[in-house]
Amino acid sequence: MIFNMLSAECMWHKLIAKIQNKATLVVLLGILGICTACQKEVQEVVHQKYDPELVPTISTDSIVMHISDSGRVKYKVVTPLMQMFDRAKDPHWLYPKGVYLEQYDNSFKVNATVVADSAWNYTSRHVWRLKGKVVIKNTNGSVFKSEEFFWDQNLGKIYTDKFITITAPGRNLKGYGLDATQDFSAFQIRRPVGDMLFNAKQM
């Protein structure tokens, strides 16, 4: 009788051990499955192709910087976000959330200010593209508004082929297209509604 009880108890312990082993096996298989899925996910992320046209090499926010030329500070740039695409085919710095620019003369006085909804600075070509609601003001009190401007620093020229409005002391001008010196000391509307040609110093 005692032998039968011991035998039954032994079988009971073996059964419990088998159940525990099966439960452990299930848990281990579950963990292994999760790890395998994680490994596949990591491998998929790692294998994603890097596109230098879409992914910036550097992205930073709350920027205030001064740009020098020949040892003199020429410009001040203020922006909430700047992204550098230095490895793109046409390397550029992007300001997707807007930009504020100040342009200085040799005496460090402000020649003009620029506000734009977005901007691109093509660093290898030294050309700025200003887009959105663009407002440029010069020291003579003239205000230039358009949806897009290009600023060629090599030529010292600002231009656009878009519709433009100019508010100056005593007169308002409208037209399509503009060519101006980068300090706006002289400018010309390509297809004006009003005066054909004028000099900002006379206004």
C-alpha atoms as a PDB file:
ATOM      1  CA  MET A   1       0.000   0.000   0.000  1.00  0.00           C
ATOM      2  CA  ILE A   2       2.781   2.387   0.958  1.00  0.00           C
ATOM      3  CA  PHE A   3       4.647   1.418  -2.255  1.00  0.00           C
ATOM      4  CA  ASN A   4       1.561   2.216  -4.328  1.00  0.00           C
ATOM      5  CA  MET A   5       1.231   5.611  -2.625  1.00  0.00           C
ATOM      6  CA  LEU A   6       4.897   6.380  -3.234  1.00  0.00           C
ATOM      7  CA  SER A   7       4.577   5.268  -6.842  1.00  0.00           C
ATOM      8  CA  ALA A   8       1.513   7.478  -7.360  1.00  0.00           C
ATOM      9  CA  GLU A   9       3.287  10.431  -5.715  1.00  0.00           C
ATOM     10  CA  CYS A  10       6.311   9.857  -7.985  1.00  0.00           C
ATOM     11  CA  MET A  11       4.113   9.839 -11.085  1.00  0.00           C
ATOM     12  CA  TRP A  12       2.398  13.005  -9.872  1.00  0.00           C
ATOM     13  CA  HIS A  13       5.770  14.811  -9.500  1.00  0.00           C
ATOM     14  CA  LYS A  14       6.832  13.634 -12.955  1.00  0.00           C
ATOM     15  CA  LEU A  15       3.585  14.936 -14.416  1.00  0.00           C
ATOM     16  CA  ILE A  16       4.074  18.326 -12.740  1.00  0.00           C
ATOM     17  CA  ALA A  17       7.671  18.429 -14.002  1.00  0.00           C
ATOM     18  CA  LYS A  18       6.488  17.673 -17.540  1.00  0.00           C
ATOM     19  CA  ILE A  19       3.869  20.425 -17.336  1.00  0.00           C
ATOM     20  CA  GLN A  20       6.440  22.859 -15.964  1.00  0.00           C
ATOM     21  CA  ASN A  21       8.911  21.901 -18.701  1.00  0.00           C
ATOM     22  CA  LYS A  22       6.235  22.421 -21.359  1.00  0.00           C
ATOM     23  CA  ALA A  23       5.313  25.813 -19.875  1.00  0.00           C
ATOM     24  CA  THR A  24       8.983  26.793 -19.799  1.00  0.00           C
ATOM     25  CA  LEU A  25       9.341  25.644 -23.403  1.00  0.00           C
ATOM     26  CA  VAL A  26       6.337  27.732 -24.452  1.00  0.00           C
ATOM     27  CA  VAL A  27       7.765  30.808 -22.696  1.00  0.00           C
ATOM     28  CA  LEU A  28      11.175  30.259 -24.284  1.00  0.00           C
ATOM     29  CA  LEU A  29       9.632  29.826 -27.727  1.00  0.00           C
ATOM     30  CA  GLY A  30       7.646  33.033 -27.190  1.00  0.00           C
ATOM     31  CA  ILE A  31      10.763  34.991 -26.199  1.00  0.00           C
ATOM     32  CA  LEU A  32      12.663  33.536 -29.141  1.00  0.00           C
ATOM     33  CA  GLY A  33       9.870  34.602 -31.493  1.00  0.00           C
ATOM     34  CA  ILE A  34       9.889  38.145 -30.103  1.00  0.00           C
ATOM     35  CA  CYS A  35      13.682  38.385 -30.423  1.00  0.00           C
ATOM     36  CA  THR A  36      13.537  37.102 -33.995  1.00  0.00           C
ATOM     37  CA  ALA A  37      10.848  39.669 -34.878  1.00  0.00           C
ATOM     38  CA  CYS A  38      12.916  42.431 -33.245  1.00  0.00           C
ATOM     39  CA  GLN A  39      15.999  41.333 -35.154  1.00  0.00           C
ATOM     40  CA  LYS A  40      14.086  41.403 -38.444  1.00  0.00           C
ATOM     41  CA  GLU A  41      12.715  44.855 -37.608  1.00  0.00           C
ATOM     42  CA  VAL A  42      16.202  46.173 -36.779  1.00  0.00           C
ATOM     43  CA  GLN A  43      17.584  44.697 -39.984  1.00  0.00           C
ATOM     44  CA  GLU A  44      14.794  46.353 -42.010  1.00  0.00           C
ATOM     45  CA  VAL A  45      15.560  49.735 -40.427  1.00  0.00           C
ATOM     46  CA  VAL A  46      19.302  49.371 -41.007  1.00  0.00           C
ATOM     47  CA  HIS A  47      18.799  48.425 -44.632  1.00  0.00           C
ATOM     48  CA  GLN A  48      16.717  51.529 -45.452  1.00  0.00           C
ATOM     49  CA  LYS A  49      18.471  53.625 -48.119  1.00  0.00           C
ATOM     50  CA  TYR A  50      19.809  57.031 -47.082  1.00  0.00           C
ATOM     51  CA  ASP A  51      18.651  59.775 -49.458  1.00  0.00           C
ATOM     52  CA  PRO A  52      20.813  62.929 -49.178  1.00  0.00           C
ATOM     53  CA  GLU A  53      18.151  64.902 -51.079  1.00  0.00           C
ATOM     54  CA  LEU A  54      15.559  64.260 -48.363  1.00  0.00           C
ATOM     55  CA  VAL A  55      17.526  63.644 -45.153  1.00  0.00           C
ATOM     56  CA  PRO A  56      19.638  66.538 -43.787  1.00  0.00           C
ATOM     57  CA  THR A  57      23.177  65.927 -42.585  1.00  0.00           C
ATOM     58  CA  ILE A  58      22.596  68.401 -39.742  1.00  0.00           C
ATOM     59  CA  SER A  59      19.370  69.817 -38.299  1.00  0.00           C
ATOM     60  CA  THR A  60      19.374  72.435 -35.565  1.00  0.00           C
ATOM     61  CA  ASP A  61      16.924  74.950 -34.126  1.00  0.00           C
ATOM     62  CA  SER A  62      16.872  78.462 -32.659  1.00  0.00           C
ATOM     63  CA  ILE A  63      19.709  79.816 -34.804  1.00  0.00           C
ATOM     64  CA  VAL A  64      21.211  83.313 -34.702  1.00  0.00           C
ATOM     65  CA  MET A  65      24.362  83.594 -36.798  1.00  0.00           C
ATOM     66  CA  HIS A  66      26.508  86.230 -38.480  1.00  0.00           C
ATOM     67  CA  ILE A  67      28.019  85.670 -41.914  1.00  0.00           C
ATOM     68  CA  SER A  68      31.334  87.341 -42.717  1.00  0.00           C
ATOM     69  CA  ASP A  69      32.934  88.263 -46.024  1.00  0.00           C
ATOM     70  CA  SER A  70      36.576  89.392 -46.266  1.00  0.00           C
ATOM     71  CA  GLY A  71      36.771  89.627 -42.491  1.00  0.00           C
ATOM     72  CA  ARG A  72      33.669  91.814 -42.128  1.00  0.00           C
ATOM     73  CA  VAL A  73      30.226  90.801 -40.893  1.00  0.00           C
ATOM     74  CA  LYS A  74      27.862  91.235 -43.828  1.00  0.00           C
ATOM     75  CA  TYR A  75      24.704  89.446 -42.779  1.00  0.00           C
ATOM     76  CA  LYS A  76      22.731  88.309 -39.766  1.00  0.00           C
ATOM     77  CA  VAL A  77      20.461  85.252 -40.016  1.00  0.00           C
ATOM     78  CA  VAL A  78      17.753  84.368 -37.479  1.00  0.00           C
ATOM     79  CA  THR A  79      15.647  81.220 -37.898  1.00  0.00           C
ATOM     80  CA  PRO A  80      13.732  78.728 -35.725  1.00  0.00           C
ATOM     81  CA  LEU A  81      15.034  75.760 -37.760  1.00  0.00           C
ATOM     82  CA  MET A  82      17.973  75.202 -40.125  1.00  0.00           C
ATOM     83  CA  GLN A  83      18.659  71.980 -42.019  1.00  0.00           C
ATOM     84  CA  MET A  84      21.919  71.351 -43.901  1.00  0.00           C
ATOM     85  CA  PHE A  85      21.832  69.201 -47.027  1.00  0.00           C
ATOM     86  CA  ASP A  86      25.575  69.219 -47.676  1.00  0.00           C
ATOM     87  CA  ARG A  87      25.537  65.883 -49.550  1.00  0.00           C
ATOM     88  CA  ALA A  88      22.728  66.794 -51.962  1.00  0.00           C
ATOM     89  CA  LYS A  89      23.499  67.223 -55.666  1.00  0.00           C
ATOM     90  CA  ASP A  90      22.993  70.963 -55.206  1.00  0.00           C
ATOM     91  CA  PRO A  91      24.207  71.483 -51.598  1.00  0.00           C
ATOM     92  CA  HIS A  92      22.023  73.859 -49.639  1.00  0.00           C
ATOM     93  CA  TRP A  93      20.847  75.009 -46.238  1.00  0.00           C
ATOM     94  CA  LEU A  94      17.082  74.919 -45.792  1.00  0.00           C
ATOM     95  CA  TYR A  95      15.061  77.201 -43.532  1.00  0.00           C
ATOM     96  CA  PRO A  96      11.610  75.522 -43.642  1.00  0.00           C
ATOM     97  CA  LYS A  97      10.012  77.496 -40.818  1.00  0.00           C
ATOM     98  CA  GLY A  98      10.987  80.970 -41.963  1.00  0.00           C
ATOM     99  CA  VAL A  99      13.997  83.255 -41.830  1.00  0.00           C
ATOM    100  CA  TYR A 100      14.903  86.825 -40.927  1.00  0.00           C
ATOM    101  CA  LEU A 101      17.942  88.465 -42.557  1.00  0.00           C
ATOM    102  CA  GLU A 102      19.791  91.706 -41.958  1.00  0.00           C
ATOM    103  CA  GLN A 103      22.288  93.042 -44.477  1.00  0.00           C
ATOM    104  CA  TYR A 104      25.055  95.368 -43.245  1.00  0.00           C
ATOM    105  CA  ASP A 105      27.220  97.933 -44.989  1.00  0.00           C
ATOM    106  CA  ASN A 106      30.938  98.459 -44.285  1.00  0.00           C
ATOM    107  CA  SER A 107      30.061 100.573 -41.228  1.00  0.00           C
ATOM    108  CA  PHE A 108      27.939  97.733 -39.814  1.00  0.00           C
ATOM    109  CA  LYS A 109      24.749  99.667 -40.487  1.00  0.00           C
ATOM    110  CA  VAL A 110      21.662  97.839 -41.733  1.00  0.00           C
ATOM    111  CA  ASN A 111      21.165  98.233 -45.504  1.00  0.00           C
ATOM    112  CA  ALA A 112      18.099  96.030 -45.788  1.00  0.00           C
ATOM    113  CA  THR A 113      16.008  93.485 -43.899  1.00  0.00           C
ATOM    114  CA  VAL A 114      14.344  90.381 -45.305  1.00  0.00           C
ATOM    115  CA  VAL A 115      11.533  88.222 -43.903  1.00  0.00           C
ATOM    116  CA  ALA A 116      10.436  85.037 -45.706  1.00  0.00           C
ATOM    117  CA  ASP A 117       8.213  82.052 -44.910  1.00  0.00           C
ATOM    118  CA  SER A 118      10.935  79.682 -46.154  1.00  0.00           C
ATOM    119  CA  ALA A 119      14.367  79.937 -47.734  1.00  0.00           C
ATOM    120  CA  TRP A 120      17.122  77.947 -49.426  1.00  0.00           C
ATOM    121  CA  ASN A 121      20.787  78.945 -49.355  1.00  0.00           C
ATOM    122  CA  TYR A 122      22.600  77.117 -52.181  1.00  0.00           C
ATOM    123  CA  THR A 123      26.054  77.168 -50.662  1.00  0.00           C
ATOM    124  CA  SER A 124      28.115  76.117 -53.694  1.00  0.00           C
ATOM    125  CA  ARG A 125      26.399  78.615 -56.034  1.00  0.00           C
ATOM    126  CA  HIS A 126      26.054  81.410 -53.431  1.00  0.00           C
ATOM    127  CA  VAL A 127      22.408  81.914 -54.341  1.00  0.00           C
ATOM    128  CA  TRP A 128      19.498  82.383 -51.950  1.00  0.00           C
ATOM    129  CA  ARG A 129      15.904  81.503 -52.796  1.00  0.00           C
ATOM    130  CA  LEU A 130      13.285  83.241 -50.640  1.00  0.00           C
ATOM    131  CA  LYS A 131       9.735  81.940 -50.894  1.00  0.00           C
ATOM    132  CA  GLY A 132       6.254  82.369 -49.456  1.00  0.00           C
ATOM    133  CA  LYS A 133       5.326  85.749 -48.056  1.00  0.00           C
ATOM    134  CA  VAL A 134       8.570  87.648 -48.684  1.00  0.00           C
ATOM    135  CA  VAL A 135       8.998  91.215 -47.418  1.00  0.00           C
ATOM    136  CA  ILE A 136      12.161  93.242 -48.052  1.00  0.00           C
ATOM    137  CA  LYS A 137      12.757  96.711 -46.593  1.00  0.00           C
ATOM    138  CA  ASN A 138      15.590  99.115 -47.413  1.00  0.00           C
ATOM    139  CA  THR A 139      16.951 102.110 -45.522  1.00  0.00           C
ATOM    140  CA  ASN A 140      14.987 104.562 -47.695  1.00  0.00           C
ATOM    141  CA  GLY A 141      11.707 103.239 -46.348  1.00  0.00           C
ATOM    142  CA  SER A 142      10.717 101.269 -49.452  1.00  0.00           C
ATOM    143  CA  VAL A 143       8.985  97.912 -48.909  1.00  0.00           C
ATOM    144  CA  PHE A 144       9.143  95.163 -51.551  1.00  0.00           C
ATOM    145  CA  LYS A 145       6.662  92.274 -51.435  1.00  0.00           C
ATOM    146  CA  SER A 146       6.459  89.165 -53.597  1.00  0.00           C
ATOM    147  CA  GLU A 147       5.959  85.404 -53.332  1.00  0.00           C
ATOM    148  CA  GLU A 148       9.533  84.661 -54.396  1.00  0.00           C
ATOM    149  CA  PHE A 149      12.933  86.357 -54.679  1.00  0.00           C
ATOM    150  CA  PHE A 150      16.363  85.123 -55.733  1.00  0.00           C
ATOM    151  CA  TRP A 151      19.512  86.685 -54.329  1.00  0.00           C
ATOM    152  CA  ASP A 152      22.699  86.051 -56.318  1.00  0.00           C
ATOM    153  CA  GLN A 153      25.594  87.014 -54.069  1.00  0.00           C
ATOM    154  CA  ASN A 154      28.150  86.515 -56.863  1.00  0.00           C
ATOM    155  CA  LEU A 155      26.432  89.155 -59.003  1.00  0.00           C
ATOM    156  CA  GLY A 156      25.273  91.279 -56.083  1.00  0.00           C
ATOM    157  CA  LYS A 157      21.762  91.124 -57.508  1.00  0.00           C
ATOM    158  CA  ILE A 158      18.218  90.380 -56.279  1.00  0.00           C
ATOM    159  CA  TYR A 159      15.557  89.429 -58.810  1.00  0.00           C
ATOM    160  CA  THR A 160      12.168  87.802 -59.367  1.00  0.00           C
ATOM    161  CA  ASP A 161       9.795  87.122 -62.233  1.00  0.00           C
ATOM    162  CA  LYS A 162       6.724  87.038 -59.937  1.00  0.00           C
ATOM    163  CA  PHE A 163       4.180  89.768 -59.271  1.00  0.00           C
ATOM    164  CA  ILE A 164       5.627  92.422 -56.992  1.00  0.00           C
ATOM    165  CA  THR A 165       4.380  95.424 -55.063  1.00  0.00           C
ATOM    166  CA  ILE A 166       6.581  98.284 -53.874  1.00  0.00           C
ATOM    167  CA  THR A 167       5.458 100.730 -51.232  1.00  0.00           C
ATOM    168  CA  ALA A 168       7.683 103.795 -51.079  1.00  0.00           C
ATOM    169  CA  PRO A 169       7.333 107.213 -49.455  1.00  0.00           C
ATOM    170  CA  GLY A 170       4.728 109.040 -51.530  1.00  0.00           C
ATOM    171  CA  ARG A 171       4.073 106.312 -54.127  1.00  0.00           C
ATOM    172  CA  ASN A 172       2.964 102.723 -54.661  1.00  0.00           C
ATOM    173  CA  LEU A 173       4.187 100.582 -57.569  1.00  0.00           C
ATOM    174  CA  LYS A 174       3.148  97.226 -59.004  1.00  0.00           C
ATOM    175  CA  GLY A 175       4.432  94.992 -61.761  1.00  0.00           C
ATOM    176  CA  TYR A 176       5.807  91.644 -62.856  1.00  0.00           C
ATOM    177  CA  GLY A 177       9.482  90.882 -62.374  1.00  0.00           C
ATOM    178  CA  LEU A 178      12.185  92.914 -60.665  1.00  0.00           C
ATOM    179  CA  ASP A 179      15.938  93.417 -60.957  1.00  0.00           C
ATOM    180  CA  ALA A 180      17.726  95.205 -58.121  1.00  0.00           C
ATOM    181  CA  THR A 181      21.126  95.677 -56.569  1.00  0.00           C
ATOM    182  CA  GLN A 182      21.442  93.643 -53.386  1.00  0.00           C
ATOM    183  CA  ASP A 183      21.360  96.790 -51.240  1.00  0.00           C
ATOM    184  CA  PHE A 184      18.325  98.068 -53.238  1.00  0.00           C
ATOM    185  CA  SER A 185      20.060 101.336 -54.037  1.00  0.00           C
ATOM    186  CA  ALA A 186      18.701 100.908 -57.585  1.00  0.00           C
ATOM    187  CA  PHE A 187      15.987  98.660 -58.997  1.00  0.00           C
ATOM    188  CA  GLN A 188      13.805  98.218 -62.063  1.00  0.00           C
ATOM    189  CA  ILE A 189      10.421  96.568 -62.582  1.00  0.00           C
ATOM    190  CA  ARG A 190      10.408  94.467 -65.742  1.00  0.00           C
ATOM    191  CA  ARG A 191       6.723  94.889 -66.586  1.00  0.00           C
ATOM    192  CA  PRO A 192       5.470  97.734 -64.434  1.00  0.00           C
ATOM    193  CA  VAL A 193       2.086  99.233 -63.868  1.00  0.00           C
ATOM    194  CA  GLY A 194       3.286 102.823 -63.508  1.00  0.00           C
ATOM    195  CA  ASP A 195       6.852 104.091 -63.804  1.00  0.00           C
ATOM    196  CA  MET A 196       9.191 102.159 -66.119  1.00  0.00           C
ATOM    197  CA  LEU A 197      12.468 102.894 -64.355  1.00  0.00           C
ATOM    198  CA  PHE A 198      13.419 104.671 -61.156  1.00  0.00           C
ATOM    199  CA  ASN A 199      16.226 104.940 -58.627  1.00  0.00           C
ATOM    200  CA  ALA A 200      15.590 104.235 -54.971  1.00  0.00           C
ATOM    201  CA  LYS A 201      17.815 107.165 -53.958  1.00  0.00           C
ATOM    202  CA  GLN A 202      15.325 109.535 -55.582  1.00  0.00           C
ATOM    203  CA  MET A 203      12.422 108.231 -53.517  1.00  0.00           C
END
